[in-house]
PDB file of N, CA and C in Angstrom:
ATOM      1  N   MET A   1      -9.520   7.727  84.474  1.00  0.00           N
ATOM      2  CA  MET A   1     -10.752   8.157  85.082  1.00  0.00           C
ATOM      3  C   MET A   1     -11.743   7.003  85.206  1.00  0.00           C
ATOM      4  N   SER A   2     -11.832   6.144  84.189  1.00  0.00           N
ATOM      5  CA  SER A   2     -12.781   5.037  84.249  1.00  0.00           C
ATOM      6  C   SER A   2     -12.384   3.991  85.285  1.00  0.00           C
ATOM      7  N   LYS A   3     -11.181   4.061  85.798  1.00  0.00           N
ATOM      8  CA  LYS A   3     -10.750   3.110  86.825  1.00  0.00           C
ATOM      9  C   LYS A   3     -11.467   3.352  88.153  1.00  0.00           C
ATOM     10  N   ASP A   4     -11.953   4.571  88.343  1.00  0.00           N
ATOM     11  CA  ASP A   4     -12.587   4.936  89.601  1.00  0.00           C
ATOM     12  C   ASP A   4     -14.080   4.616  89.648  1.00  0.00           C
ATOM     13  N   ILE A   5     -14.639   4.090  88.585  1.00  0.00           N
ATOM     14  CA  ILE A   5     -16.075   3.803  88.543  1.00  0.00           C
ATOM     15  C   ILE A   5     -16.372   2.594  89.417  1.00  0.00           C
ATOM     16  N   LYS A   6     -17.377   2.748  90.289  1.00  0.00           N
ATOM     17  CA  LYS A   6     -17.782   1.657  91.182  1.00  0.00           C
ATOM     18  C   LYS A   6     -19.141   1.134  90.738  1.00  0.00           C
ATOM     19  N   LEU A   7     -19.272  -0.172  90.634  1.00  0.00           N
ATOM     20  CA  LEU A   7     -20.535  -0.808  90.270  1.00  0.00           C
ATOM     21  C   LEU A   7     -21.289  -1.132  91.548  1.00  0.00           C
ATOM     22  N   ASN A   8     -22.445  -0.458  91.742  1.00  0.00           N
ATOM     23  CA  ASN A   8     -23.203  -0.626  92.981  1.00  0.00           C
ATOM     24  C   ASN A   8     -24.192  -1.788  92.929  1.00  0.00           C
ATOM     25  N   ASN A   9     -24.860  -1.994  91.811  1.00  0.00           N
ATOM     26  CA  ASN A   9     -25.915  -3.011  91.706  1.00  0.00           C
ATOM     27  C   ASN A   9     -25.614  -3.970  90.561  1.00  0.00           C
ATOM     28  N   SER A  10     -24.664  -4.859  90.737  1.00  0.00           N
ATOM     29  CA  SER A  10     -24.311  -5.783  89.662  1.00  0.00           C
ATOM     30  C   SER A  10     -25.430  -6.766  89.363  1.00  0.00           C
ATOM     31  N   GLY A  11     -26.384  -6.930  90.269  1.00  0.00           N
ATOM     32  CA  GLY A  11     -27.516  -7.823  90.036  1.00  0.00           C
ATOM     33  C   GLY A  11     -28.454  -7.325  88.953  1.00  0.00           C
ATOM     34  N   LEU A  12     -28.321  -6.045  88.566  1.00  0.00           N
ATOM     35  CA  LEU A  12     -29.175  -5.486  87.522  1.00  0.00           C
ATOM     36  C   LEU A  12     -28.728  -5.914  86.123  1.00  0.00           C
ATOM     37  N   PHE A  13     -27.523  -6.442  85.990  1.00  0.00           N
ATOM     38  CA  PHE A  13     -27.002  -6.872  84.701  1.00  0.00           C
ATOM     39  C   PHE A  13     -27.146  -8.384  84.563  1.00  0.00           C
ATOM     40  N   LEU A  14     -27.613  -8.835  83.407  1.00  0.00           N
ATOM     41  CA  LEU A  14     -27.821 -10.250  83.161  1.00  0.00           C
ATOM     42  C   LEU A  14     -26.956 -10.714  82.006  1.00  0.00           C
ATOM     43  N   ASP A  15     -26.467 -11.942  82.100  1.00  0.00           N
ATOM     44  CA  ASP A  15     -25.769 -12.559  80.979  1.00  0.00           C
ATOM     45  C   ASP A  15     -26.794 -13.298  80.139  1.00  0.00           C
ATOM     46  N   LEU A  16     -26.895 -12.935  78.864  1.00  0.00           N
ATOM     47  CA  LEU A  16     -27.846 -13.576  77.960  1.00  0.00           C
ATOM     48  C   LEU A  16     -27.096 -14.436  76.950  1.00  0.00           C
ATOM     49  N   SER A  17     -27.683 -15.571  76.614  1.00  0.00           N
ATOM     50  CA  SER A  17     -27.098 -16.416  75.577  1.00  0.00           C
ATOM     51  C   SER A  17     -27.275 -15.735  74.224  1.00  0.00           C
ATOM     52  N   GLU A  18     -26.573 -16.213  73.197  1.00  0.00           N
ATOM     53  CA  GLU A  18     -26.708 -15.620  71.862  1.00  0.00           C
ATOM     54  C   GLU A  18     -28.138 -15.744  71.351  1.00  0.00           C
ATOM     55  N   GLU A  19     -28.785 -16.866  71.657  1.00  0.00           N
ATOM     56  CA  GLU A  19     -30.168 -17.079  71.226  1.00  0.00           C
ATOM     57  C   GLU A  19     -31.115 -16.071  71.889  1.00  0.00           C
ATOM     58  N   GLU A  20     -30.925 -15.825  73.191  1.00  0.00           N
ATOM     59  CA  GLU A  20     -31.757 -14.847  73.901  1.00  0.00           C
ATOM     60  C   GLU A  20     -31.526 -13.432  73.370  1.00  0.00           C
ATOM     61  N   GLN A  21     -30.261 -13.108  73.075  1.00  0.00           N
ATOM     62  CA  GLN A  21     -29.954 -11.791  72.530  1.00  0.00           C
ATOM     63  C   GLN A  21     -30.603 -11.598  71.164  1.00  0.00           C
ATOM     64  N   ALA A  22     -30.570 -12.616  70.324  1.00  0.00           N
ATOM     65  CA  ALA A  22     -31.172 -12.523  68.994  1.00  0.00           C
ATOM     66  C   ALA A  22     -32.679 -12.311  69.086  1.00  0.00           C
ATOM     67  N   ALA A  23     -33.336 -12.982  70.026  1.00  0.00           N
ATOM     68  CA  ALA A  23     -34.783 -12.822  70.198  1.00  0.00           C
ATOM     69  C   ALA A  23     -35.129 -11.419  70.670  1.00  0.00           C
ATOM     70  N   ILE A  24     -34.305 -10.847  71.539  1.00  0.00           N
ATOM     71  CA  ILE A  24     -34.569  -9.500  72.061  1.00  0.00           C
ATOM     72  C   ILE A  24     -34.313  -8.445  70.994  1.00  0.00           C
ATOM     73  N   VAL A  25     -33.212  -8.583  70.269  1.00  0.00           N
ATOM     74  CA  VAL A  25     -32.842  -7.573  69.283  1.00  0.00           C
ATOM     75  C   VAL A  25     -33.717  -7.661  68.043  1.00  0.00           C
ATOM     76  N   GLY A  26     -33.935  -8.865  67.526  1.00  0.00           N
ATOM     77  CA  GLY A  26     -34.643  -9.007  66.259  1.00  0.00           C
ATOM     78  C   GLY A  26     -36.091  -9.370  66.379  1.00  0.00           C
ATOM     79  N   GLY A  27     -36.548  -9.752  67.547  1.00  0.00           N
ATOM     80  CA  GLY A  27     -37.933 -10.153  67.702  1.00  0.00           C
ATOM     81  C   GLY A  27     -38.153 -11.566  67.204  1.00  0.00           C
ATOM     82  N   ILE A  28     -39.394 -11.945  67.090  1.00  0.00           N
ATOM     83  CA  ILE A  28     -39.768 -13.279  66.655  1.00  0.00           C
ATOM     84  C   ILE A  28     -40.459 -13.148  65.314  1.00  0.00           C
ATOM     85  N   SER A  29     -40.048 -13.954  64.371  1.00  0.00           N
ATOM     86  CA  SER A  29     -40.654 -13.885  63.042  1.00  0.00           C
ATOM     87  C   SER A  29     -41.456 -15.148  62.797  1.00  0.00           C
ATOM     88  N   SER A  30     -42.739 -14.989  62.566  1.00  0.00           N
ATOM     89  CA  SER A  30     -43.599 -16.127  62.283  1.00  0.00           C
ATOM     90  C   SER A  30     -44.870 -15.637  61.614  1.00  0.00           C
ATOM     91  N   SER A  31     -45.371 -16.415  60.682  1.00  0.00           N
ATOM     92  CA  SER A  31     -46.608 -16.029  60.007  1.00  0.00           C
ATOM     93  C   SER A  31     -47.821 -16.302  60.891  1.00  0.00           C
ATOM     94  N   GLN A  32     -47.633 -16.976  62.038  1.00  0.00           N
ATOM     95  CA  GLN A  32     -48.746 -17.286  62.924  1.00  0.00           C
ATOM     96  C   GLN A  32     -49.125 -16.107  63.813  1.00  0.00           C
ATOM     97  N   PHE A  33     -48.240 -15.147  63.959  1.00  0.00           N
ATOM     98  CA  PHE A  33     -48.497 -14.028  64.858  1.00  0.00           C
ATOM     99  C   PHE A  33     -49.082 -12.853  64.088  1.00  0.00           C
ATOM    100  N   ALA A  34     -50.122 -12.227  64.648  1.00  0.00           N
ATOM    101  CA  ALA A  34     -50.758 -11.076  64.017  1.00  0.00           C
ATOM    102  C   ALA A  34     -49.930  -9.816  64.208  1.00  0.00           C
ATOM    103  N   PHE A  35     -49.218  -9.737  65.328  1.00  0.00           N
ATOM    104  CA  PHE A  35     -48.439  -8.532  65.576  1.00  0.00           C
ATOM    105  C   PHE A  35     -47.268  -8.827  66.500  1.00  0.00           C
ATOM    106  N   PHE A  36     -46.370  -7.866  66.539  1.00  0.00           N
ATOM    107  CA  PHE A  36     -45.194  -7.923  67.391  1.00  0.00           C
ATOM    108  C   PHE A  36     -45.201  -6.641  68.229  1.00  0.00           C
ATOM    109  N   PHE A  37     -45.031  -6.766  69.528  1.00  0.00           N
ATOM    110  CA  PHE A  37     -45.030  -5.621  70.431  1.00  0.00           C
ATOM    111  C   PHE A  37     -43.757  -5.669  71.267  1.00  0.00           C
ATOM    112  N   GLN A  38     -43.040  -4.543  71.291  1.00  0.00           N
ATOM    113  CA  GLN A  38     -41.831  -4.452  72.109  1.00  0.00           C
ATOM    114  C   GLN A  38     -41.828  -3.096  72.797  1.00  0.00           C
ATOM    115  N   MET A  39     -41.580  -3.114  74.097  1.00  0.00           N
ATOM    116  CA  MET A  39     -41.475  -1.866  74.843  1.00  0.00           C
ATOM    117  C   MET A  39     -40.123  -1.831  75.535  1.00  0.00           C
ATOM    118  N   ARG A  40     -39.427  -0.739  75.344  1.00  0.00           N
ATOM    119  CA  ARG A  40     -38.098  -0.603  75.921  1.00  0.00           C
ATOM    120  C   ARG A  40     -38.063   0.680  76.740  1.00  0.00           C
ATOM    121  N   ARG A  41     -37.616   0.582  77.970  1.00  0.00           N
ATOM    122  CA  ARG A  41     -37.488   1.756  78.840  1.00  0.00           C
ATOM    123  C   ARG A  41     -36.071   1.764  79.412  1.00  0.00           C
ATOM    124  N   ILE A  42     -35.388   2.868  79.228  1.00  0.00           N
ATOM    125  CA  ILE A  42     -34.010   3.002  79.708  1.00  0.00           C
ATOM    126  C   ILE A  42     -33.976   4.136  80.723  1.00  0.00           C
ATOM    127  N   ILE A  43     -33.482   3.835  81.903  1.00  0.00           N
ATOM    128  CA  ILE A  43     -33.305   4.849  82.944  1.00  0.00           C
ATOM    129  C   ILE A  43     -31.834   4.822  83.350  1.00  0.00           C
ATOM    130  N   SER A  44     -31.193   5.963  83.260  1.00  0.00           N
ATOM    131  CA  SER A  44     -29.778   6.062  83.582  1.00  0.00           C
ATOM    132  C   SER A  44     -29.571   7.188  84.586  1.00  0.00           C
ATOM    133  N   LEU A  45     -28.867   6.893  85.651  1.00  0.00           N
ATOM    134  CA  LEU A  45     -28.570   7.878  86.688  1.00  0.00           C
ATOM    135  C   LEU A  45     -27.067   7.900  86.933  1.00  0.00           C
ATOM    136  N   ALA A  46     -26.533   9.083  87.173  1.00  0.00           N
ATOM    137  CA  ALA A  46     -25.100   9.209  87.463  1.00  0.00           C
ATOM    138  C   ALA A  46     -24.906  10.298  88.507  1.00  0.00           C
ATOM    139  N   GLY A  47     -23.849  10.174  89.259  1.00  0.00           N
ATOM    140  CA  GLY A  47     -23.539  11.179  90.269  1.00  0.00           C
ATOM    141  C   GLY A  47     -22.056  11.218  90.564  1.00  0.00           C
ATOM    142  N   SER A  48     -21.596  12.374  91.003  1.00  0.00           N
ATOM    143  CA  SER A  48     -20.189  12.490  91.394  1.00  0.00           C
ATOM    144  C   SER A  48     -20.082  13.426  92.595  1.00  0.00           C
ATOM    145  N   GLN A  49     -19.075  13.184  93.411  1.00  0.00           N
ATOM    146  CA  GLN A  49     -18.821  14.014  94.584  1.00  0.00           C
ATOM    147  C   GLN A  49     -17.323  14.306  94.671  1.00  0.00           C
ATOM    148  N   ILE A  50     -17.016  15.559  94.964  1.00  0.00           N
ATOM    149  CA  ILE A  50     -15.616  15.967  95.100  1.00  0.00           C
ATOM    150  C   ILE A  50     -15.487  16.766  96.399  1.00  0.00           C
ATOM    151  N   SER A  51     -14.501  16.420  97.183  1.00  0.00           N
ATOM    152  CA  SER A  51     -14.204  17.170  98.407  1.00  0.00           C
ATOM    153  C   SER A  51     -12.742  17.617  98.350  1.00  0.00           C
ATOM    154  N   VAL A  52     -12.530  18.908  98.585  1.00  0.00           N
ATOM    155  CA  VAL A  52     -11.180  19.464  98.549  1.00  0.00           C
ATOM    156  C   VAL A  52     -10.931  20.223  99.848  1.00  0.00           C
ATOM    157  N   SER A  53      -9.785  19.975 100.460  1.00  0.00           N
ATOM    158  CA  SER A  53      -9.382  20.696 101.675  1.00  0.00           C
ATOM    159  C   SER A  53      -8.057  21.377 101.411  1.00  0.00           C
ATOM    160  N   GLU A  54      -8.028  22.684 101.718  1.00  0.00           N
ATOM    161  CA  GLU A  54      -6.779  23.422 101.547  1.00  0.00           C
ATOM    162  C   GLU A  54      -6.728  24.546 102.576  1.00  0.00           C
ATOM    163  N   ARG A  55      -5.665  24.583 103.356  1.00  0.00           N
ATOM    164  CA  ARG A  55      -5.435  25.625 104.365  1.00  0.00           C
ATOM    165  C   ARG A  55      -6.616  25.763 105.325  1.00  0.00           C
ATOM    166  N   GLY A  56      -7.136  24.677 105.745  1.00  0.00           N
ATOM    167  CA  GLY A  56      -8.208  24.694 106.720  1.00  0.00           C
ATOM    168  C   GLY A  56      -9.594  24.963 106.154  1.00  0.00           C
ATOM    169  N   GLN A  57      -9.692  25.137 104.870  1.00  0.00           N
ATOM    170  CA  GLN A  57     -10.994  25.355 104.259  1.00  0.00           C
ATOM    171  C   GLN A  57     -11.403  24.108 103.476  1.00  0.00           C
ATOM    172  N   ASN A  58     -12.674  23.746 103.629  1.00  0.00           N
ATOM    173  CA  ASN A  58     -13.201  22.573 102.938  1.00  0.00           C
ATOM    174  C   ASN A  58     -14.223  23.015 101.887  1.00  0.00           C
ATOM    175  N   VAL A  59     -14.132  22.416 100.717  1.00  0.00           N
ATOM    176  CA  VAL A  59     -15.092  22.665  99.645  1.00  0.00           C
ATOM    177  C   VAL A  59     -15.594  21.312  99.166  1.00  0.00           C
ATOM    178  N   ALA A  60     -16.911  21.172  99.106  1.00  0.00           N
ATOM    179  CA  ALA A  60     -17.501  19.919  98.631  1.00  0.00           C
ATOM    180  C   ALA A  60     -18.437  20.235  97.466  1.00  0.00           C
ATOM    181  N   LEU A  61     -18.291  19.485  96.406  1.00  0.00           N
ATOM    182  CA  LEU A  61     -19.140  19.638  95.230  1.00  0.00           C
ATOM    183  C   LEU A  61     -19.847  18.316  94.954  1.00  0.00           C
ATOM    184  N   SER A  62     -21.110  18.416  94.620  1.00  0.00           N
ATOM    185  CA  SER A  62     -21.898  17.220  94.309  1.00  0.00           C
ATOM    186  C   SER A  62     -22.658  17.489  93.015  1.00  0.00           C
ATOM    187  N   GLN A  63     -22.703  16.499  92.162  1.00  0.00           N
ATOM    188  CA  GLN A  63     -23.377  16.652  90.874  1.00  0.00           C
ATOM    189  C   GLN A  63     -24.149  15.373  90.568  1.00  0.00           C
ATOM    190  N   GLN A  64     -25.400  15.528  90.106  1.00  0.00           N
ATOM    191  CA  GLN A  64     -26.220  14.376  89.747  1.00  0.00           C
ATOM    192  C   GLN A  64     -26.917  14.649  88.425  1.00  0.00           C
ATOM    193  N   ALA A  65     -27.112  13.590  87.656  1.00  0.00           N
ATOM    194  CA  ALA A  65     -27.806  13.709  86.365  1.00  0.00           C
ATOM    195  C   ALA A  65     -28.649  12.458  86.157  1.00  0.00           C
ATOM    196  N   GLY A  66     -29.734  12.623  85.442  1.00  0.00           N
ATOM    197  CA  GLY A  66     -30.607  11.491  85.153  1.00  0.00           C
ATOM    198  C   GLY A  66     -31.156  11.577  83.739  1.00  0.00           C
ATOM    199  N   TYR A  67     -31.513  10.423  83.205  1.00  0.00           N
ATOM    200  CA  TYR A  67     -32.012  10.344  81.836  1.00  0.00           C
ATOM    201  C   TYR A  67     -33.010   9.204  81.753  1.00  0.00           C
ATOM    202  N   MET A  68     -34.140   9.432  81.084  1.00  0.00           N
ATOM    203  CA  MET A  68     -35.108   8.363  80.874  1.00  0.00           C
ATOM    204  C   MET A  68     -35.577   8.400  79.422  1.00  0.00           C
ATOM    205  N   SER A  69     -35.629   7.243  78.814  1.00  0.00           N
ATOM    206  CA  SER A  69     -36.079   7.132  77.428  1.00  0.00           C
ATOM    207  C   SER A  69     -37.033   5.945  77.324  1.00  0.00           C
ATOM    208  N   SER A  70     -38.122   6.135  76.586  1.00  0.00           N
ATOM    209  CA  SER A  70     -39.088   5.062  76.366  1.00  0.00           C
ATOM    210  C   SER A  70     -39.307   4.901  74.878  1.00  0.00           C
ATOM    211  N   GLU A  71     -39.479   3.650  74.460  1.00  0.00           N
ATOM    212  CA  GLU A  71     -39.700   3.367  73.045  1.00  0.00           C
ATOM    213  C   GLU A  71     -40.679   2.214  72.930  1.00  0.00           C
ATOM    214  N   ILE A  72     -41.640   2.351  72.036  1.00  0.00           N
ATOM    215  CA  ILE A  72     -42.587   1.274  71.763  1.00  0.00           C
ATOM    216  C   ILE A  72     -42.499   0.945  70.280  1.00  0.00           C
ATOM    217  N   THR A  73     -42.340  -0.333  69.968  1.00  0.00           N
ATOM    218  CA  THR A  73     -42.293  -0.797  68.588  1.00  0.00           C
ATOM    219  C   THR A  73     -43.444  -1.761  68.370  1.00  0.00           C
ATOM    220  N   ILE A  74     -44.222  -1.513  67.335  1.00  0.00           N
ATOM    221  CA  ILE A  74     -45.337  -2.392  66.999  1.00  0.00           C
ATOM    222  C   ILE A  74     -45.195  -2.792  65.538  1.00  0.00           C
ATOM    223  N   GLY A  75     -45.203  -4.090  65.284  1.00  0.00           N
ATOM    224  CA  GLY A  75     -45.169  -4.606  63.923  1.00  0.00           C
ATOM    225  C   GLY A  75     -46.436  -5.405  63.654  1.00  0.00           C
ATOM    226  N   VAL A  76     -46.967  -5.259  62.459  1.00  0.00           N
ATOM    227  CA  VAL A  76     -48.211  -5.938  62.091  1.00  0.00           C
ATOM    228  C   VAL A  76     -47.932  -6.872  60.926  1.00  0.00           C
ATOM    229  N   ASN A  77     -48.450  -8.100  61.010  1.00  0.00           N
ATOM    230  CA  ASN A  77     -48.328  -9.073  59.938  1.00  0.00           C
ATOM    231  C   ASN A  77     -49.577  -8.955  59.049  1.00  0.00           C
ATOM    232  N   PRO A  78     -49.445  -8.375  57.849  1.00  0.00           N
ATOM    233  CA  PRO A  78     -50.624  -8.151  57.015  1.00  0.00           C
ATOM    234  C   PRO A  78     -51.300  -9.440  56.557  1.00  0.00           C
ATOM    235  N   SER A  79     -50.571 -10.542  56.480  1.00  0.00           N
ATOM    236  CA  SER A  79     -51.185 -11.795  56.023  1.00  0.00           C
ATOM    237  C   SER A  79     -52.214 -12.329  57.024  1.00  0.00           C
ATOM    238  N   PHE A  80     -52.127 -11.896  58.288  1.00  0.00           N
ATOM    239  CA  PHE A  80     -53.101 -12.329  59.284  1.00  0.00           C
ATOM    240  C   PHE A  80     -54.490 -11.797  58.945  1.00  0.00           C
ATOM    241  N   PHE A  81     -54.554 -10.639  58.305  1.00  0.00           N
ATOM    242  CA  PHE A  81     -55.832 -10.023  57.988  1.00  0.00           C
ATOM    243  C   PHE A  81     -56.330 -10.399  56.591  1.00  0.00           C
ATOM    244  N   ALA A  82     -55.530 -11.132  55.840  1.00  0.00           N
ATOM    245  CA  ALA A  82     -55.920 -11.505  54.478  1.00  0.00           C
ATOM    246  C   ALA A  82     -56.820 -12.745  54.506  1.00  0.00           C
ATOM    247  N   GLY A  83     -57.549 -12.952  53.425  1.00  0.00           N
ATOM    248  CA  GLY A  83     -58.397 -14.142  53.296  1.00  0.00           C
ATOM    249  C   GLY A  83     -59.736 -13.969  53.980  1.00  0.00           C
ATOM    250  N   GLY A  84     -60.684 -14.739  53.557  1.00  0.00           N
ATOM    251  CA  GLY A  84     -62.014 -14.675  54.152  1.00  0.00           C
ATOM    252  C   GLY A  84     -62.833 -13.542  53.560  1.00  0.00           C
ATOM    253  N   SER A  85     -64.011 -13.374  54.087  1.00  0.00           N
ATOM    254  CA  SER A  85     -64.907 -12.332  53.592  1.00  0.00           C
ATOM    255  C   SER A  85     -64.477 -10.964  54.124  1.00  0.00           C
ATOM    256  N   ILE A  86     -65.056  -9.944  53.547  1.00  0.00           N
ATOM    257  CA  ILE A  86     -64.745  -8.586  53.998  1.00  0.00           C
ATOM    258  C   ILE A  86     -65.151  -8.408  55.455  1.00  0.00           C
ATOM    259  N   GLN A  87     -66.286  -9.006  55.835  1.00  0.00           N
ATOM    260  CA  GLN A  87     -66.752  -8.875  57.220  1.00  0.00           C
ATOM    261  C   GLN A  87     -65.771  -9.527  58.198  1.00  0.00           C
ATOM    262  N   SER A  88     -65.261 -10.704  57.848  1.00  0.00           N
ATOM    263  CA  SER A  88     -64.335 -11.377  58.769  1.00  0.00           C
ATOM    264  C   SER A  88     -63.014 -10.628  58.858  1.00  0.00           C
ATOM    265  N   ARG A  89     -62.534 -10.082  57.738  1.00  0.00           N
ATOM    266  CA  ARG A  89     -61.297  -9.278  57.773  1.00  0.00           C
ATOM    267  C   ARG A  89     -61.508  -8.022  58.622  1.00  0.00           C
ATOM    268  N   THR A  90     -62.669  -7.404  58.455  1.00  0.00           N
ATOM    269  CA  THR A  90     -62.986  -6.206  59.231  1.00  0.00           C
ATOM    270  C   THR A  90     -63.061  -6.528  60.714  1.00  0.00           C
ATOM    271  N   ARG A  91     -63.679  -7.669  61.074  1.00  0.00           N
ATOM    272  CA  ARG A  91     -63.759  -8.079  62.489  1.00  0.00           C
ATOM    273  C   ARG A  91     -62.375  -8.320  63.067  1.00  0.00           C
ATOM    274  N   ARG A  92     -61.516  -9.020  62.312  1.00  0.00           N
ATOM    275  CA  ARG A  92     -60.155  -9.281  62.798  1.00  0.00           C
ATOM    276  C   ARG A  92     -59.389  -7.981  62.991  1.00  0.00           C
ATOM    277  N   PHE A  93     -59.528  -7.077  62.016  1.00  0.00           N
ATOM    278  CA  PHE A  93     -58.820  -5.807  62.107  1.00  0.00           C
ATOM    279  C   PHE A  93     -59.341  -4.976  63.283  1.00  0.00           C
ATOM    280  N   ASN A  94     -60.645  -4.937  63.475  1.00  0.00           N
ATOM    281  CA  ASN A  94     -61.217  -4.195  64.607  1.00  0.00           C
ATOM    282  C   ASN A  94     -60.802  -4.802  65.944  1.00  0.00           C
ATOM    283  N   SER A  95     -60.739  -6.130  66.006  1.00  0.00           N
ATOM    284  CA  SER A  95     -60.261  -6.785  67.231  1.00  0.00           C
ATOM    285  C   SER A  95     -58.818  -6.402  67.508  1.00  0.00           C
ATOM    286  N   PHE A  96     -58.031  -6.369  66.465  1.00  0.00           N
ATOM    287  CA  PHE A  96     -56.630  -5.981  66.599  1.00  0.00           C
ATOM    288  C   PHE A  96     -56.517  -4.537  67.094  1.00  0.00           C
ATOM    289  N   LEU A  97     -57.315  -3.622  66.528  1.00  0.00           N
ATOM    290  CA  LEU A  97     -57.286  -2.232  66.966  1.00  0.00           C
ATOM    291  C   LEU A  97     -57.719  -2.084  68.422  1.00  0.00           C
ATOM    292  N   ARG A  98     -58.727  -2.863  68.852  1.00  0.00           N
ATOM    293  CA  ARG A  98     -59.147  -2.835  70.259  1.00  0.00           C
ATOM    294  C   ARG A  98     -58.038  -3.319  71.177  1.00  0.00           C
ATOM    295  N   LEU A  99     -57.330  -4.362  70.746  1.00  0.00           N
ATOM    296  CA  LEU A  99     -56.202  -4.875  71.524  1.00  0.00           C
ATOM    297  C   LEU A  99     -55.103  -3.804  71.640  1.00  0.00           C
ATOM    298  N   LEU A 100     -54.761  -3.169  70.534  1.00  0.00           N
ATOM    299  CA  LEU A 100     -53.758  -2.100  70.586  1.00  0.00           C
ATOM    300  C   LEU A 100     -54.200  -0.972  71.510  1.00  0.00           C
ATOM    301  N   TRP A 101     -55.476  -0.603  71.426  1.00  0.00           N
ATOM    302  CA  TRP A 101     -55.997   0.476  72.274  1.00  0.00           C
ATOM    303  C   TRP A 101     -55.876   0.099  73.747  1.00  0.00           C
ATOM    304  N   SER A 102     -56.183  -1.142  74.075  1.00  0.00           N
ATOM    305  CA  SER A 102     -56.097  -1.575  75.480  1.00  0.00           C
ATOM    306  C   SER A 102     -54.649  -1.616  75.963  1.00  0.00           C
ATOM    307  N   ILE A 103     -53.720  -1.941  75.085  1.00  0.00           N
ATOM    308  CA  ILE A 103     -52.293  -1.956  75.458  1.00  0.00           C
ATOM    309  C   ILE A 103     -51.803  -0.547  75.724  1.00  0.00           C
ATOM    310  N   MET A 104     -52.237   0.397  74.884  1.00  0.00           N
ATOM    311  CA  MET A 104     -51.736   1.759  74.987  1.00  0.00           C
ATOM    312  C   MET A 104     -52.338   2.523  76.156  1.00  0.00           C
ATOM    313  N   ASN A 105     -53.478   2.086  76.679  1.00  0.00           N
ATOM    314  CA  ASN A 105     -54.112   2.813  77.794  1.00  0.00           C
ATOM    315  C   ASN A 105     -53.778   2.227  79.121  1.00  0.00           C
TER     316      ASN A 105
END
């Protein structure tokens, strides 16, 4: 059955090096970054068509299905907010919250 599958848009698939794959799967780890943001959206569509002719009668069946999934991952580096006075930590944290709010809207 899998022999009959036709690839219509091969340009949608990319070959990634091992280094690129590691960055996508695991993200970037550094104490210099305050946060990590990753958004993943998967859209999958499938369809099938069957036509049968017997004794002068034709029957055609068509079936389509679709699926969409979205995921957002946010990681926060707590050491970015450490150190300094309470006011400076509060300002950094509030700036971070404003940035998150702007991303989500």
